[in-house]
Amino acid sequence: MMIHVVTGRQEELPHGLYSKVAHYRHKVFVERLGWQLQTFNYAEQDQFDRFDTVYVISRDEQGNISGCARLLPTTQPYLLGDVFPQLLNGMPPPNSPDVWELSRFAAVDFNAKTSCALGQFSSPITITLLQEAIAYAASQGAKRVITVSPVGVERLLKRTGFHAHRAGPPMVVDGHPIFACWIDIADEHILN
């Protein structure tokens, strides 16, 4: 299976792709995972989907979305800093050009024979998407990425060789165990 990755801000993406990403996110986060998020016409977006937001999108050979990630500089408002600062265990949210946030990460291929939202943590799409997102953040001067993630992501990151560690203990938010996680990206092997 070939994985094609497109990275860019909304206006840099091919025509109509951002709309497809918003619908894909609704399908993953609202329909499959049951998150209580504001949506409109089966599309999920929030206040962090702005002009400076960078999207990393994986697509199959037919152009169907099989994964997405959102990158934000921490020098502007972002999900962890504005919505989930309690996950940082009392530490102030990062505000630095060398720290970017990774959010709305999903790698569910709805066109695969088996597609389980929680199975996303072990797919080749997941690894490719993470590598591309981290490489992009590094290209913008980031030394670390911070993310709000389900607890299962921690095992994936360690198993795949990413240098990751908790920014605070996990908490249950809206019935879902989540935590803030640092990913160090200065290591050469991560950028390959």
N, C-alpha and C. Protein backbone atom coordinates (compact mmCIF):
# COMPACT_ATOMS: atom_id res chain seq x y z
N MET A 1 0.84 -1.19 0.00
CA MET A 1 0.00 0.00 0.00
C MET A 1 0.88 1.25 0.00
N MET A 2 0.64 2.12 -0.92
CA MET A 2 1.37 3.38 -1.00
C MET A 2 0.69 4.41 -0.11
N ILE A 3 1.50 5.16 0.61
CA ILE A 3 0.98 6.24 1.45
C ILE A 3 1.52 7.54 0.88
N HIS A 4 0.63 8.43 0.51
CA HIS A 4 1.02 9.75 0.00
C HIS A 4 0.74 10.76 1.11
N VAL A 5 1.71 11.61 1.42
CA VAL A 5 1.54 12.60 2.48
C VAL A 5 1.57 13.99 1.90
N VAL A 6 0.61 14.80 2.31
CA VAL A 6 0.52 16.20 1.91
C VAL A 6 0.65 17.03 3.18
N THR A 7 1.49 18.04 3.16
CA THR A 7 1.68 18.90 4.32
C THR A 7 1.54 20.35 3.90
N GLY A 8 0.83 21.13 4.71
CA GLY A 8 0.72 22.55 4.43
C GLY A 8 -0.38 23.22 5.23
N ARG A 9 -0.39 24.53 5.13
CA ARG A 9 -1.47 25.31 5.73
C ARG A 9 -2.70 25.19 4.84
N GLN A 10 -3.86 25.55 5.38
CA GLN A 10 -5.11 25.37 4.66
C GLN A 10 -5.06 25.89 3.23
N GLU A 11 -4.54 27.12 3.04
CA GLU A 11 -4.53 27.70 1.70
C GLU A 11 -3.50 27.05 0.78
N GLU A 12 -2.57 26.27 1.35
CA GLU A 12 -1.55 25.58 0.54
C GLU A 12 -1.98 24.18 0.10
N LEU A 13 -3.05 23.66 0.71
CA LEU A 13 -3.51 22.32 0.39
C LEU A 13 -4.25 22.31 -0.95
N PRO A 14 -4.27 21.17 -1.63
CA PRO A 14 -5.06 21.06 -2.86
C PRO A 14 -6.52 21.44 -2.59
N HIS A 15 -7.17 22.01 -3.59
CA HIS A 15 -8.55 22.49 -3.46
C HIS A 15 -9.47 21.40 -2.89
N GLY A 16 -10.21 21.74 -1.84
CA GLY A 16 -11.18 20.84 -1.24
C GLY A 16 -10.63 19.86 -0.22
N LEU A 17 -9.30 19.77 -0.09
CA LEU A 17 -8.72 18.78 0.82
C LEU A 17 -8.99 19.13 2.28
N TYR A 18 -8.92 20.41 2.65
CA TYR A 18 -9.18 20.77 4.05
C TYR A 18 -10.59 20.36 4.46
N SER A 19 -11.57 20.56 3.60
CA SER A 19 -12.94 20.16 3.90
C SER A 19 -13.03 18.66 4.12
N LYS A 20 -12.30 17.89 3.32
CA LYS A 20 -12.29 16.44 3.50
C LYS A 20 -11.64 16.05 4.83
N VAL A 21 -10.62 16.79 5.24
CA VAL A 21 -9.96 16.54 6.52
C VAL A 21 -10.95 16.79 7.67
N ALA A 22 -11.72 17.89 7.59
CA ALA A 22 -12.70 18.19 8.64
C ALA A 22 -13.76 17.10 8.74
N HIS A 23 -14.18 16.55 7.61
CA HIS A 23 -15.15 15.45 7.62
C HIS A 23 -14.51 14.16 8.16
N TYR A 24 -13.27 13.92 7.78
CA TYR A 24 -12.53 12.76 8.29
C TYR A 24 -12.39 12.84 9.81
N ARG A 25 -12.02 14.01 10.32
CA ARG A 25 -11.89 14.18 11.77
C ARG A 25 -13.22 13.94 12.48
N HIS A 26 -14.33 14.38 11.89
CA HIS A 26 -15.64 14.12 12.48
C HIS A 26 -15.87 12.61 12.57
N LYS A 27 -15.57 11.92 11.50
CA LYS A 27 -15.79 10.48 11.45
C LYS A 27 -14.95 9.75 12.52
N VAL A 28 -13.70 10.17 12.69
CA VAL A 28 -12.82 9.52 13.67
C VAL A 28 -13.17 9.93 15.09
N PHE A 29 -13.12 11.23 15.36
CA PHE A 29 -13.20 11.69 16.74
C PHE A 29 -14.63 11.71 17.31
N VAL A 30 -15.60 12.07 16.51
CA VAL A 30 -16.97 12.16 16.99
C VAL A 30 -17.71 10.83 16.83
N GLU A 31 -17.71 10.28 15.60
CA GLU A 31 -18.47 9.07 15.34
C GLU A 31 -17.82 7.82 15.94
N ARG A 32 -16.51 7.64 15.75
CA ARG A 32 -15.85 6.42 16.23
C ARG A 32 -15.45 6.48 17.70
N LEU A 33 -14.84 7.60 18.09
CA LEU A 33 -14.33 7.68 19.46
C LEU A 33 -15.33 8.31 20.44
N GLY A 34 -16.36 8.94 19.94
CA GLY A 34 -17.40 9.48 20.81
C GLY A 34 -17.02 10.75 21.54
N TRP A 35 -16.05 11.49 21.03
CA TRP A 35 -15.68 12.74 21.69
C TRP A 35 -16.80 13.75 21.51
N GLN A 36 -17.03 14.54 22.53
CA GLN A 36 -18.05 15.60 22.48
C GLN A 36 -17.41 16.88 21.94
N LEU A 37 -17.41 17.03 20.63
CA LEU A 37 -16.79 18.18 19.98
C LEU A 37 -17.84 18.92 19.18
N GLN A 38 -17.64 20.22 19.03
CA GLN A 38 -18.56 21.01 18.21
C GLN A 38 -18.34 20.66 16.75
N THR A 39 -19.43 20.42 16.05
CA THR A 39 -19.32 20.09 14.64
C THR A 39 -20.40 20.84 13.86
N PHE A 40 -20.21 20.89 12.57
CA PHE A 40 -21.18 21.52 11.67
C PHE A 40 -21.17 20.74 10.37
N ASN A 41 -22.33 20.26 9.95
CA ASN A 41 -22.44 19.47 8.70
C ASN A 41 -21.44 18.31 8.66
N TYR A 42 -21.31 17.59 9.77
CA TYR A 42 -20.43 16.43 9.86
C TYR A 42 -18.97 16.78 9.59
N ALA A 43 -18.60 17.97 9.98
CA ALA A 43 -17.21 18.41 9.87
C ALA A 43 -16.75 18.86 11.25
N GLU A 44 -15.54 18.48 11.65
CA GLU A 44 -15.01 18.86 12.94
C GLU A 44 -13.87 19.84 12.74
N GLN A 45 -14.02 21.00 13.35
CA GLN A 45 -12.94 21.98 13.40
C GLN A 45 -13.16 22.83 14.63
N ASP A 46 -12.11 23.47 15.09
CA ASP A 46 -12.22 24.30 16.28
C ASP A 46 -11.42 25.58 16.10
N GLN A 47 -11.27 26.30 17.20
CA GLN A 47 -10.60 27.60 17.14
C GLN A 47 -9.11 27.50 16.81
N PHE A 48 -8.57 26.29 16.83
CA PHE A 48 -7.15 26.12 16.53
C PHE A 48 -6.89 25.79 15.06
N ASP A 49 -7.94 25.70 14.29
CA ASP A 49 -7.82 25.54 12.84
C ASP A 49 -7.80 26.93 12.22
N ARG A 50 -6.60 27.50 12.15
CA ARG A 50 -6.42 28.90 11.73
C ARG A 50 -5.50 28.97 10.51
N PHE A 51 -5.22 30.21 10.12
CA PHE A 51 -4.34 30.44 8.95
C PHE A 51 -2.93 29.90 9.16
N ASP A 52 -2.44 29.86 10.41
CA ASP A 52 -1.08 29.40 10.67
C ASP A 52 -1.00 27.92 11.04
N THR A 53 -2.13 27.23 11.06
CA THR A 53 -2.16 25.81 11.38
C THR A 53 -1.62 25.01 10.20
N VAL A 54 -0.77 24.03 10.51
CA VAL A 54 -0.21 23.16 9.48
C VAL A 54 -0.86 21.79 9.61
N TYR A 55 -1.27 21.24 8.48
CA TYR A 55 -1.90 19.92 8.43
C TYR A 55 -0.97 18.94 7.74
N VAL A 56 -0.90 17.75 8.30
CA VAL A 56 -0.15 16.66 7.69
C VAL A 56 -1.20 15.59 7.41
N ILE A 57 -1.38 15.23 6.14
CA ILE A 57 -2.48 14.38 5.72
C ILE A 57 -1.93 13.21 4.91
N SER A 58 -2.33 12.00 5.30
CA SER A 58 -1.95 10.83 4.50
C SER A 58 -3.15 10.41 3.67
N ARG A 59 -2.84 9.98 2.43
CA ARG A 59 -3.88 9.56 1.49
C ARG A 59 -3.44 8.28 0.81
N ASP A 60 -4.43 7.48 0.40
CA ASP A 60 -4.12 6.25 -0.33
C ASP A 60 -4.01 6.55 -1.83
N GLU A 61 -3.83 5.51 -2.63
CA GLU A 61 -3.64 5.68 -4.07
C GLU A 61 -4.84 6.35 -4.74
N GLN A 62 -6.04 6.16 -4.18
CA GLN A 62 -7.26 6.76 -4.74
C GLN A 62 -7.52 8.17 -4.21
N GLY A 63 -6.66 8.66 -3.32
CA GLY A 63 -6.84 10.00 -2.77
C GLY A 63 -7.67 10.05 -1.51
N ASN A 64 -8.11 8.88 -0.99
CA ASN A 64 -8.88 8.85 0.24
C ASN A 64 -7.98 9.15 1.44
N ILE A 65 -8.47 9.93 2.38
CA ILE A 65 -7.68 10.26 3.58
C ILE A 65 -7.59 9.03 4.47
N SER A 66 -6.36 8.74 4.91
CA SER A 66 -6.13 7.62 5.81
C SER A 66 -5.51 8.07 7.12
N GLY A 67 -5.25 9.36 7.25
CA GLY A 67 -4.70 9.88 8.49
C GLY A 67 -4.50 11.38 8.41
N CYS A 68 -4.45 12.01 9.59
CA CYS A 68 -4.21 13.45 9.62
C CYS A 68 -3.58 13.84 10.96
N ALA A 69 -2.93 14.96 10.95
CA ALA A 69 -2.34 15.53 12.15
C ALA A 69 -2.37 17.05 11.98
N ARG A 70 -2.40 17.73 13.11
CA ARG A 70 -2.42 19.19 13.10
C ARG A 70 -1.23 19.67 13.91
N LEU A 71 -0.48 20.62 13.35
CA LEU A 71 0.68 21.21 14.01
C LEU A 71 0.45 22.69 14.25
N LEU A 72 0.77 23.11 15.46
CA LEU A 72 0.63 24.53 15.83
C LEU A 72 1.88 24.99 16.57
N PRO A 73 2.35 26.19 16.27
CA PRO A 73 3.44 26.74 17.08
C PRO A 73 2.89 27.10 18.46
N THR A 74 3.68 26.86 19.49
CA THR A 74 3.20 27.18 20.85
C THR A 74 3.33 28.67 21.17
N THR A 75 3.79 29.45 20.21
CA THR A 75 3.85 30.90 20.41
C THR A 75 2.49 31.55 20.16
N GLN A 76 1.53 30.77 19.68
CA GLN A 76 0.15 31.21 19.45
C GLN A 76 -0.77 30.30 20.27
N PRO A 77 -2.05 30.63 20.44
CA PRO A 77 -2.95 29.74 21.18
C PRO A 77 -2.96 28.34 20.58
N TYR A 78 -3.01 27.33 21.47
CA TYR A 78 -3.04 25.93 21.03
C TYR A 78 -3.79 25.09 22.05
N LEU A 79 -4.19 23.88 21.65
CA LEU A 79 -5.09 23.04 22.42
C LEU A 79 -4.62 22.78 23.85
N LEU A 80 -3.42 22.28 24.03
CA LEU A 80 -2.93 21.96 25.37
C LEU A 80 -2.88 23.21 26.24
N GLY A 81 -2.32 24.26 25.72
CA GLY A 81 -2.16 25.49 26.50
C GLY A 81 -3.46 26.15 26.87
N ASP A 82 -4.45 26.10 25.99
CA ASP A 82 -5.71 26.82 26.22
C ASP A 82 -6.83 25.96 26.80
N VAL A 83 -6.84 24.66 26.49
CA VAL A 83 -7.95 23.81 26.90
C VAL A 83 -7.55 22.79 27.97
N PHE A 84 -6.34 22.26 27.91
CA PHE A 84 -5.92 21.20 28.82
C PHE A 84 -4.66 21.52 29.62
N PRO A 85 -4.48 22.74 30.13
CA PRO A 85 -3.24 23.04 30.86
C PRO A 85 -3.07 22.20 32.12
N GLN A 86 -4.17 21.65 32.65
CA GLN A 86 -4.08 20.82 33.85
C GLN A 86 -3.25 19.55 33.61
N LEU A 87 -3.09 19.15 32.37
CA LEU A 87 -2.30 17.97 32.06
C LEU A 87 -0.80 18.20 32.25
N LEU A 88 -0.41 19.45 32.46
CA LEU A 88 1.01 19.78 32.63
C LEU A 88 1.46 19.73 34.08
N ASN A 89 0.57 19.28 34.98
CA ASN A 89 0.92 19.07 36.38
C ASN A 89 1.49 20.33 37.04
N GLY A 90 0.88 21.48 36.75
CA GLY A 90 1.29 22.74 37.38
C GLY A 90 2.35 23.52 36.64
N MET A 91 2.96 22.92 35.65
CA MET A 91 3.97 23.63 34.86
C MET A 91 3.27 24.58 33.89
N PRO A 92 3.88 25.72 33.57
CA PRO A 92 3.25 26.62 32.59
C PRO A 92 3.29 26.00 31.20
N PRO A 93 2.26 26.23 30.39
CA PRO A 93 2.27 25.71 29.01
C PRO A 93 3.46 26.28 28.23
N PRO A 94 4.07 25.47 27.39
CA PRO A 94 5.19 25.96 26.58
C PRO A 94 4.76 27.14 25.71
N ASN A 95 5.66 28.08 25.55
CA ASN A 95 5.47 29.23 24.68
C ASN A 95 6.84 29.55 24.08
N SER A 96 7.19 28.81 23.04
CA SER A 96 8.54 28.92 22.49
C SER A 96 8.53 28.53 21.01
N PRO A 97 9.33 29.22 20.20
CA PRO A 97 9.40 28.84 18.78
C PRO A 97 10.02 27.44 18.57
N ASP A 98 10.72 26.90 19.57
CA ASP A 98 11.29 25.57 19.38
C ASP A 98 10.42 24.45 19.97
N VAL A 99 9.15 24.78 20.30
CA VAL A 99 8.19 23.77 20.73
C VAL A 99 6.91 23.94 19.90
N TRP A 100 6.50 22.87 19.23
CA TRP A 100 5.26 22.86 18.47
C TRP A 100 4.31 21.85 19.07
N GLU A 101 3.01 22.07 18.90
CA GLU A 101 2.01 21.12 19.38
C GLU A 101 1.52 20.25 18.24
N LEU A 102 1.38 18.96 18.52
CA LEU A 102 0.78 18.00 17.61
C LEU A 102 -0.58 17.64 18.19
N SER A 103 -1.65 17.85 17.42
CA SER A 103 -2.99 17.54 17.91
C SER A 103 -3.85 16.98 16.78
N ARG A 104 -5.05 16.52 17.13
CA ARG A 104 -6.00 15.93 16.18
C ARG A 104 -5.32 14.89 15.29
N PHE A 105 -4.50 14.08 15.94
CA PHE A 105 -3.78 13.02 15.24
C PHE A 105 -4.68 11.80 15.10
N ALA A 106 -4.82 11.30 13.89
CA ALA A 106 -5.61 10.09 13.63
C ALA A 106 -5.01 9.37 12.45
N ALA A 107 -5.04 8.05 12.51
CA ALA A 107 -4.55 7.23 11.40
C ALA A 107 -5.48 6.05 11.22
N VAL A 108 -6.68 6.33 10.79
CA VAL A 108 -7.69 5.30 10.56
C VAL A 108 -7.99 5.28 9.07
N ASP A 109 -7.72 4.13 8.46
CA ASP A 109 -8.00 3.96 7.04
C ASP A 109 -9.38 3.34 6.91
N PHE A 110 -10.38 4.16 6.64
CA PHE A 110 -11.75 3.68 6.55
C PHE A 110 -11.99 2.80 5.32
N ASN A 111 -11.06 2.79 4.40
CA ASN A 111 -11.20 1.97 3.19
C ASN A 111 -10.48 0.63 3.31
N ALA A 112 -9.78 0.42 4.43
CA ALA A 112 -9.11 -0.87 4.64
C ALA A 112 -10.15 -1.92 5.02
N LYS A 113 -9.80 -3.18 4.83
CA LYS A 113 -10.73 -4.27 5.15
C LYS A 113 -11.09 -4.27 6.63
N THR A 114 -10.13 -3.96 7.49
CA THR A 114 -10.40 -3.83 8.92
C THR A 114 -9.94 -2.45 9.33
N SER A 115 -10.82 -1.68 9.94
CA SER A 115 -10.41 -0.36 10.41
C SER A 115 -11.01 -0.14 11.79
N CYS A 116 -10.15 -0.15 12.76
CA CYS A 116 -10.55 0.06 14.16
C CYS A 116 -9.88 1.35 14.61
N ALA A 117 -10.63 2.24 15.20
CA ALA A 117 -10.08 3.53 15.61
C ALA A 117 -8.91 3.35 16.58
N LEU A 118 -8.97 2.35 17.46
CA LEU A 118 -7.88 2.15 18.39
C LEU A 118 -6.72 1.41 17.75
N GLY A 119 -6.95 0.71 16.63
CA GLY A 119 -5.89 0.03 15.90
C GLY A 119 -4.96 0.99 15.20
N GLN A 120 -5.33 2.25 15.17
CA GLN A 120 -4.51 3.26 14.51
C GLN A 120 -3.12 3.35 15.12
N PHE A 121 -2.96 2.94 16.37
CA PHE A 121 -1.69 3.12 17.05
C PHE A 121 -0.59 2.21 16.57
N SER A 122 -0.89 1.23 15.73
CA SER A 122 0.15 0.31 15.29
C SER A 122 0.26 0.21 13.77
N SER A 123 -0.40 1.05 13.04
CA SER A 123 -0.39 0.94 11.58
C SER A 123 0.81 1.64 10.96
N PRO A 124 1.20 1.21 9.74
CA PRO A 124 2.27 1.90 9.02
C PRO A 124 1.91 3.36 8.75
N ILE A 125 0.63 3.64 8.57
CA ILE A 125 0.19 5.02 8.35
C ILE A 125 0.56 5.88 9.55
N THR A 126 0.35 5.33 10.75
CA THR A 126 0.65 6.05 11.98
C THR A 126 2.11 6.47 12.03
N ILE A 127 2.99 5.51 11.75
CA ILE A 127 4.43 5.79 11.82
C ILE A 127 4.81 6.84 10.78
N THR A 128 4.34 6.67 9.56
CA THR A 128 4.66 7.63 8.50
C THR A 128 4.15 9.02 8.85
N LEU A 129 2.93 9.10 9.33
CA LEU A 129 2.33 10.39 9.69
C LEU A 129 3.12 11.06 10.82
N LEU A 130 3.49 10.30 11.84
CA LEU A 130 4.29 10.85 12.94
C LEU A 130 5.63 11.36 12.43
N GLN A 131 6.30 10.55 11.62
CA GLN A 131 7.61 10.95 11.10
C GLN A 131 7.50 12.23 10.27
N GLU A 132 6.48 12.30 9.42
CA GLU A 132 6.31 13.50 8.57
C GLU A 132 5.97 14.73 9.41
N ALA A 133 5.11 14.57 10.41
CA ALA A 133 4.73 15.70 11.26
C ALA A 133 5.94 16.20 12.04
N ILE A 134 6.70 15.28 12.60
CA ILE A 134 7.87 15.68 13.38
C ILE A 134 8.95 16.28 12.49
N ALA A 135 9.14 15.73 11.30
CA ALA A 135 10.11 16.30 10.37
C ALA A 135 9.72 17.73 9.98
N TYR A 136 8.40 17.96 9.77
CA TYR A 136 7.97 19.31 9.43
C TYR A 136 8.24 20.26 10.59
N ALA A 137 7.87 19.87 11.80
CA ALA A 137 8.10 20.73 12.97
C ALA A 137 9.60 21.04 13.09
N ALA A 138 10.44 20.02 12.90
CA ALA A 138 11.89 20.23 12.96
C ALA A 138 12.35 21.22 11.89
N SER A 139 11.76 21.14 10.70
CA SER A 139 12.14 22.05 9.61
C SER A 139 11.80 23.50 9.94
N GLN A 140 10.88 23.68 10.89
CA GLN A 140 10.49 25.02 11.32
C GLN A 140 11.24 25.46 12.58
N GLY A 141 12.24 24.68 12.99
CA GLY A 141 13.07 25.05 14.13
C GLY A 141 12.68 24.39 15.44
N ALA A 142 11.71 23.51 15.43
CA ALA A 142 11.28 22.85 16.66
C ALA A 142 12.33 21.85 17.14
N LYS A 143 12.53 21.83 18.44
CA LYS A 143 13.39 20.85 19.09
C LYS A 143 12.55 19.78 19.79
N ARG A 144 11.30 20.16 20.12
CA ARG A 144 10.40 19.23 20.78
C ARG A 144 8.98 19.49 20.30
N VAL A 145 8.17 18.45 20.40
CA VAL A 145 6.74 18.54 20.11
C VAL A 145 6.03 18.15 21.39
N ILE A 146 4.92 18.81 21.68
CA ILE A 146 4.09 18.43 22.82
C ILE A 146 2.72 18.06 22.28
N THR A 147 2.10 17.08 22.90
CA THR A 147 0.83 16.60 22.41
C THR A 147 -0.09 16.21 23.55
N VAL A 148 -1.38 16.34 23.33
CA VAL A 148 -2.40 15.77 24.21
C VAL A 148 -2.84 14.50 23.53
N SER A 149 -2.70 13.37 24.20
CA SER A 149 -2.94 12.09 23.54
C SER A 149 -3.61 11.09 24.46
N PRO A 150 -4.27 10.10 23.86
CA PRO A 150 -4.72 8.95 24.65
C PRO A 150 -3.49 8.23 25.20
N VAL A 151 -3.63 7.57 26.33
CA VAL A 151 -2.50 6.93 26.99
C VAL A 151 -1.81 5.90 26.09
N GLY A 152 -2.54 5.24 25.20
CA GLY A 152 -1.96 4.23 24.32
C GLY A 152 -0.87 4.76 23.40
N VAL A 153 -0.86 6.04 23.14
CA VAL A 153 0.14 6.63 22.26
C VAL A 153 1.54 6.52 22.87
N GLU A 154 1.61 6.54 24.19
CA GLU A 154 2.91 6.45 24.86
C GLU A 154 3.63 5.15 24.48
N ARG A 155 2.91 4.04 24.48
CA ARG A 155 3.52 2.75 24.11
C ARG A 155 3.97 2.76 22.65
N LEU A 156 3.12 3.31 21.78
CA LEU A 156 3.47 3.40 20.36
C LEU A 156 4.77 4.18 20.17
N LEU A 157 4.87 5.33 20.80
CA LEU A 157 6.04 6.18 20.63
C LEU A 157 7.30 5.47 21.08
N LYS A 158 7.24 4.81 22.22
CA LYS A 158 8.43 4.11 22.72
C LYS A 158 8.77 2.91 21.85
N ARG A 159 7.77 2.17 21.39
CA ARG A 159 7.99 0.99 20.57
C ARG A 159 8.60 1.36 19.22
N THR A 160 8.29 2.54 18.72
CA THR A 160 8.77 2.93 17.39
C THR A 160 10.03 3.80 17.44
N GLY A 161 10.62 3.95 18.62
CA GLY A 161 11.91 4.62 18.71
C GLY A 161 11.87 6.12 18.93
N PHE A 162 10.69 6.69 19.11
CA PHE A 162 10.61 8.12 19.41
C PHE A 162 10.99 8.34 20.87
N HIS A 163 11.69 9.42 21.14
CA HIS A 163 12.06 9.75 22.51
C HIS A 163 10.93 10.59 23.10
N ALA A 164 10.08 9.92 23.88
CA ALA A 164 8.89 10.57 24.42
C ALA A 164 8.82 10.36 25.92
N HIS A 165 8.25 11.34 26.60
CA HIS A 165 8.04 11.20 28.04
C HIS A 165 6.88 12.09 28.47
N ARG A 166 6.28 11.71 29.57
CA ARG A 166 5.11 12.42 30.08
C ARG A 166 5.46 13.81 30.59
N ALA A 167 4.55 14.74 30.34
CA ALA A 167 4.69 16.09 30.89
C ALA A 167 3.94 16.20 32.22
N GLY A 168 3.12 15.20 32.51
CA GLY A 168 2.35 15.13 33.74
C GLY A 168 1.62 13.80 33.77
N PRO A 169 1.00 13.49 34.90
CA PRO A 169 0.29 12.22 34.98
C PRO A 169 -0.98 12.21 34.13
N PRO A 170 -1.41 11.03 33.67
CA PRO A 170 -2.65 10.94 32.90
C PRO A 170 -3.85 11.40 33.74
N MET A 171 -4.86 11.91 33.06
CA MET A 171 -6.11 12.31 33.69
C MET A 171 -7.26 11.80 32.84
N VAL A 172 -8.40 11.59 33.47
CA VAL A 172 -9.59 11.20 32.72
C VAL A 172 -10.37 12.48 32.43
N VAL A 173 -10.57 12.76 31.14
CA VAL A 173 -11.32 13.94 30.70
C VAL A 173 -12.45 13.43 29.83
N ASP A 174 -13.67 13.77 30.19
CA ASP A 174 -14.86 13.31 29.48
C ASP A 174 -14.86 11.80 29.27
N GLY A 175 -14.40 11.07 30.29
CA GLY A 175 -14.41 9.62 30.24
C GLY A 175 -13.25 8.99 29.50
N HIS A 176 -12.29 9.79 29.02
CA HIS A 176 -11.16 9.27 28.25
C HIS A 176 -9.85 9.55 28.98
N PRO A 177 -9.00 8.53 29.22
CA PRO A 177 -7.70 8.79 29.84
C PRO A 177 -6.75 9.43 28.82
N ILE A 178 -6.28 10.62 29.14
CA ILE A 178 -5.36 11.34 28.25
C ILE A 178 -4.18 11.87 29.06
N PHE A 179 -3.14 12.26 28.36
CA PHE A 179 -1.98 12.84 29.03
C PHE A 179 -1.26 13.77 28.06
N ALA A 180 -0.42 14.63 28.62
CA ALA A 180 0.44 15.48 27.81
C ALA A 180 1.78 14.77 27.66
N CYS A 181 2.29 14.77 26.45
CA CYS A 181 3.49 14.01 26.14
C CYS A 181 4.49 14.87 25.37
N TRP A 182 5.73 14.86 25.81
CA TRP A 182 6.83 15.49 25.09
C TRP A 182 7.42 14.49 24.11
N ILE A 183 7.74 14.94 22.91
CA ILE A 183 8.48 14.14 21.95
C ILE A 183 9.71 14.95 21.57
N ASP A 184 10.87 14.43 21.89
CA ASP A 184 12.13 15.11 21.54
C ASP A 184 12.45 14.78 20.09
N ILE A 185 12.77 15.81 19.31
CA ILE A 185 13.00 15.59 17.88
C ILE A 185 14.39 15.96 17.41
N ALA A 186 15.29 16.17 18.33
CA ALA A 186 16.64 16.55 17.94
C ALA A 186 17.45 15.36 17.44
N ASP A 187 17.02 14.14 17.73
CA ASP A 187 17.77 12.96 17.33
C ASP A 187 17.70 12.75 15.82
N GLU A 188 18.84 12.45 15.24
CA GLU A 188 18.97 12.29 13.79
C GLU A 188 18.04 11.22 13.22
N HIS A 189 17.90 10.08 13.90
CA HIS A 189 17.12 8.97 13.34
C HIS A 189 15.64 9.29 13.21
N ILE A 190 15.14 10.20 14.01
CA ILE A 190 13.72 10.55 13.94
C ILE A 190 13.43 11.33 12.65
N LEU A 191 14.39 12.08 12.19
CA LEU A 191 14.17 12.93 11.03
C LEU A 191 14.36 12.20 9.70
N ASN A 192 14.78 10.96 9.74
CA ASN A 192 14.96 10.20 8.49
C ASN A 192 13.66 9.61 8.01
